Amino acid sequence: MAQGQSEIRYLNPPTVDVKKKKYCRFKKNGIKYVDYKDPEFLKKFLNEQGRILPRRITGTSLKFQRRVAQAVKRARHLALLPFVTDMLK
């Protein structure tokens, strides 16, 4: 091989994924209170099995992640949300 060329050859050029910046939807929209009586909103923070999604996936700040977790637990206690399910969404 000629000098200066790498031996690794690709069929397609390697793509670089541009990650979107995560943001706290509560701070962005100015939401001060997480309502436990709104199960449709709380479902956005649950996966298909009904487990609470972590901060690293949702991008929620620590303060609001704690409030969301407390609201989900209260909604589960009042049977607004299930504790465990097969397909929630």
C-alpha atoms as a PDB file:
ATOM      1  CA  MET A   1       0.000   0.000   0.000  1.00  0.00           C
ATOM      2  CA  ALA A   2       1.038   3.570  -0.532  1.00  0.00           C
ATOM      3  CA  GLN A   3       2.220   5.545   2.409  1.00  0.00           C
ATOM      4  CA  GLY A   4      -0.285   7.800   4.133  1.00  0.00           C
ATOM      5  CA  GLN A   5      -3.288   5.578   3.450  1.00  0.00           C
ATOM      6  CA  SER A   6      -4.884   3.563   6.208  1.00  0.00           C
ATOM      7  CA  GLU A   7      -5.519  -0.104   5.687  1.00  0.00           C
ATOM      8  CA  ILE A   8      -9.063   0.097   7.020  1.00  0.00           C
ATOM      9  CA  ARG A   9     -11.550   0.523   4.216  1.00  0.00           C
ATOM     10  CA  TYR A  10     -15.278   1.053   4.607  1.00  0.00           C
ATOM     11  CA  LEU A  11     -18.083   0.405   2.167  1.00  0.00           C
ATOM     12  CA  ASN A  12     -19.845   3.478   3.512  1.00  0.00           C
ATOM     13  CA  PRO A  13     -18.074   6.265   5.322  1.00  0.00           C
ATOM     14  CA  PRO A  14     -18.467   5.975   9.096  1.00  0.00           C
ATOM     15  CA  THR A  15     -21.178   8.252  10.418  1.00  0.00           C
ATOM     16  CA  VAL A  16     -20.843  10.308  13.536  1.00  0.00           C
ATOM     17  CA  ASP A  17     -24.004  10.377  15.627  1.00  0.00           C
ATOM     18  CA  VAL A  18     -24.921  13.822  16.858  1.00  0.00           C
ATOM     19  CA  LYS A  19     -26.623  13.456  20.217  1.00  0.00           C
ATOM     20  CA  LYS A  20     -29.359  15.880  21.095  1.00  0.00           C
ATOM     21  CA  LYS A  21     -28.852  17.796  24.294  1.00  0.00           C
ATOM     22  CA  LYS A  22     -31.030  16.444  27.072  1.00  0.00           C
ATOM     23  CA  TYR A  23     -33.113  18.967  28.921  1.00  0.00           C
ATOM     24  CA  CYS A  24     -35.450  19.008  31.865  1.00  0.00           C
ATOM     25  CA  ARG A  25     -38.955  19.430  30.443  1.00  0.00           C
ATOM     26  CA  PHE A  26     -40.147  20.808  33.775  1.00  0.00           C
ATOM     27  CA  LYS A  27     -37.635  23.664  33.843  1.00  0.00           C
ATOM     28  CA  LYS A  28     -38.132  24.393  30.145  1.00  0.00           C
ATOM     29  CA  ASN A  29     -41.938  24.614  30.430  1.00  0.00           C
ATOM     30  CA  GLY A  30     -41.973  26.266  33.849  1.00  0.00           C
ATOM     31  CA  ILE A  31     -43.834  23.421  35.598  1.00  0.00           C
ATOM     32  CA  LYS A  32     -43.628  23.800  39.360  1.00  0.00           C
ATOM     33  CA  TYR A  33     -45.854  20.932  40.546  1.00  0.00           C
ATOM     34  CA  VAL A  34     -46.000  17.293  39.424  1.00  0.00           C
ATOM     35  CA  ASP A  35     -49.611  16.167  39.742  1.00  0.00           C
ATOM     36  CA  TYR A  36     -50.035  12.541  40.835  1.00  0.00           C
ATOM     37  CA  LYS A  37     -53.673  12.603  39.679  1.00  0.00           C
ATOM     38  CA  ASP A  38     -52.663  12.878  35.992  1.00  0.00           C
ATOM     39  CA  PRO A  39     -51.725   9.322  34.935  1.00  0.00           C
ATOM     40  CA  GLU A  40     -51.374  10.170  31.220  1.00  0.00           C
ATOM     41  CA  PHE A  41     -48.580  12.638  31.992  1.00  0.00           C
ATOM     42  CA  LEU A  42     -46.882  10.222  34.398  1.00  0.00           C
ATOM     43  CA  LYS A  43     -46.910   7.438  31.772  1.00  0.00           C
ATOM     44  CA  LYS A  44     -44.265   9.404  29.868  1.00  0.00           C
ATOM     45  CA  PHE A  45     -41.838   8.564  32.679  1.00  0.00           C
ATOM     46  CA  LEU A  46     -42.616   4.816  32.708  1.00  0.00           C
ATOM     47  CA  ASN A  47     -41.460   2.030  30.423  1.00  0.00           C
ATOM     48  CA  GLU A  48     -43.621  -0.776  29.007  1.00  0.00           C
ATOM     49  CA  GLN A  49     -43.372  -2.817  32.195  1.00  0.00           C
ATOM     50  CA  GLY A  50     -44.438   0.130  34.361  1.00  0.00           C
ATOM     51  CA  ARG A  51     -41.011   0.869  35.819  1.00  0.00           C
ATOM     52  CA  ILE A  52     -39.833   4.450  36.365  1.00  0.00           C
ATOM     53  CA  LEU A  53     -37.326   5.555  33.729  1.00  0.00           C
ATOM     54  CA  PRO A  54     -33.976   6.858  35.019  1.00  0.00           C
ATOM     55  CA  ARG A  55     -32.767  10.435  34.708  1.00  0.00           C
ATOM     56  CA  ARG A  56     -30.105   9.573  32.166  1.00  0.00           C
ATOM     57  CA  ILE A  57     -32.815   8.513  29.708  1.00  0.00           C
ATOM     58  CA  THR A  58     -35.480  11.171  30.347  1.00  0.00           C
ATOM     59  CA  GLY A  59     -33.094  14.081  30.969  1.00  0.00           C
ATOM     60  CA  THR A  60     -35.091  15.212  33.996  1.00  0.00           C
ATOM     61  CA  SER A  61     -33.226  17.145  36.684  1.00  0.00           C
ATOM     62  CA  LEU A  62     -32.644  15.536  40.067  1.00  0.00           C
ATOM     63  CA  LYS A  63     -35.177  17.741  41.829  1.00  0.00           C
ATOM     64  CA  PHE A  64     -38.002  16.875  39.448  1.00  0.00           C
ATOM     65  CA  GLN A  65     -36.975  13.224  39.112  1.00  0.00           C
ATOM     66  CA  ARG A  66     -37.611  12.853  42.844  1.00  0.00           C
ATOM     67  CA  ARG A  67     -40.977  14.564  42.480  1.00  0.00           C
ATOM     68  CA  VAL A  68     -41.927  12.357  39.523  1.00  0.00           C
ATOM     69  CA  ALA A  69     -40.967   9.210  41.444  1.00  0.00           C
ATOM     70  CA  GLN A  70     -43.073  10.303  44.421  1.00  0.00           C
ATOM     71  CA  ALA A  71     -46.024  11.149  42.159  1.00  0.00           C
ATOM     72  CA  VAL A  72     -45.817   7.767  40.393  1.00  0.00           C
ATOM     73  CA  LYS A  73     -45.756   5.961  43.730  1.00  0.00           C
ATOM     74  CA  ARG A  74     -48.778   7.903  44.936  1.00  0.00           C
ATOM     75  CA  ALA A  75     -50.652   7.203  41.703  1.00  0.00           C
ATOM     76  CA  ARG A  76     -49.864   3.509  42.033  1.00  0.00           C
ATOM     77  CA  HIS A  77     -51.143   3.500  45.610  1.00  0.00           C
ATOM     78  CA  LEU A  78     -54.451   5.041  44.460  1.00  0.00           C
ATOM     79  CA  ALA A  79     -54.652   2.537  41.561  1.00  0.00           C
ATOM     80  CA  LEU A  80     -54.327   5.245  38.902  1.00  0.00           C
ATOM     81  CA  LEU A  81     -51.226   3.462  37.568  1.00  0.00           C
ATOM     82  CA  PRO A  82     -50.406  -0.250  37.721  1.00  0.00           C
ATOM     83  CA  PHE A  83     -47.464  -1.536  39.713  1.00  0.00           C
ATOM     84  CA  VAL A  84     -46.549  -4.120  37.038  1.00  0.00           C
ATOM     85  CA  THR A  85     -47.904  -4.706  33.543  1.00  0.00           C
ATOM     86  CA  ASP A  86     -46.961  -6.403  30.276  1.00  0.00           C
ATOM     87  CA  MET A  87     -47.675  -3.616  27.805  1.00  0.00           C
ATOM     88  CA  LEU A  88     -48.475  -0.253  29.375  1.00  0.00           C
ATOM     89  CA  LYS A  89     -48.102   1.877  26.262  1.00  0.00           C
END
